[in-house]
């Protein structure tokens, strides 16, 4: 697991928590912010997955 995968998954988790908290508190802005953060984390971890795949193919 590389840095991008780890950081991305952490951001995904933080975003999901924020999104759920926003739903519970009926705070639409927090919910949207959490959703955006979650999706950014998914992109970052996906980028890390691609880097890892490329690294494995080269070896």
Protein backbone atom coordinates (compact mmCIF):
# COMPACT_ATOMS: atom_id res chain seq x y z
CA UNK A 1 0.00 0.00 0.00
CA UNK A 2 1.43 3.36 -1.01
CA UNK A 3 0.89 6.86 0.41
CA UNK A 4 -1.83 7.78 -2.06
CA UNK A 5 -3.84 4.67 -1.28
CA UNK A 6 -3.58 5.24 2.46
CA UNK A 7 -4.31 8.99 2.38
CA UNK A 8 -7.18 8.44 -0.03
CA UNK A 9 -8.83 5.83 2.15
CA UNK A 10 -8.43 8.05 5.21
CA UNK A 11 -10.07 10.96 3.36
CA UNK A 12 -12.85 8.63 2.19
CA UNK A 13 -13.55 7.59 5.77
CA UNK A 14 -13.45 11.14 7.11
CA UNK A 15 -15.78 12.25 4.34
CA UNK A 16 -18.24 9.44 5.03
CA UNK A 17 -18.30 10.32 8.75
CA UNK A 18 -18.88 13.98 7.92
CA UNK A 19 -21.62 13.06 5.43
CA UNK A 20 -23.46 10.86 7.95
CA UNK A 21 -23.06 13.49 10.67
CA UNK A 22 -24.56 16.06 8.34
CA UNK A 23 -27.54 13.78 7.70
CA UNK A 24 -28.06 13.18 11.42
CA UNK A 25 -27.80 16.88 12.27
CA UNK A 26 -29.84 17.86 9.21
CA UNK A 27 -26.93 20.05 8.07
CA UNK A 28 -27.01 19.98 4.28
CA UNK A 29 -23.73 21.90 3.90
CA UNK A 30 -21.85 19.41 6.08
CA UNK A 31 -23.42 16.52 4.21
CA UNK A 32 -22.35 17.95 0.84
CA UNK A 33 -18.85 18.73 2.14
CA UNK A 34 -18.53 15.16 3.41
CA UNK A 35 -19.68 13.76 0.09
CA UNK A 36 -17.11 15.84 -1.78
CA UNK A 37 -14.35 14.84 0.65
CA UNK A 38 -15.34 11.17 0.29
CA UNK A 39 -15.21 11.37 -3.50
CA UNK A 40 -11.83 13.14 -3.47
CA UNK A 41 -10.55 10.32 -1.26
CA UNK A 42 -11.86 7.73 -3.72
CA UNK A 43 -10.03 9.44 -6.58
CA UNK A 44 -6.80 9.65 -4.59
CA UNK A 45 -6.94 6.00 -3.52
CA UNK A 46 -7.79 5.00 -7.10
CA UNK A 47 -4.73 6.91 -8.29
CA UNK A 48 -2.68 5.04 -5.69
CA UNK A 49 -4.11 1.73 -6.91
CA UNK A 50 -3.08 2.56 -10.50
CA UNK A 51 0.44 3.52 -9.35
CA UNK A 52 0.70 0.24 -7.45
CA UNK A 53 -0.50 -1.75 -10.49
CA UNK A 54 2.04 -0.03 -12.74
CA UNK A 55 4.80 -0.67 -10.21
CA UNK A 56 3.88 -4.38 -10.06
CA UNK A 57 3.80 -4.65 -13.88
CA UNK A 58 7.27 -3.18 -14.16
CA UNK A 59 8.72 -5.63 -11.64
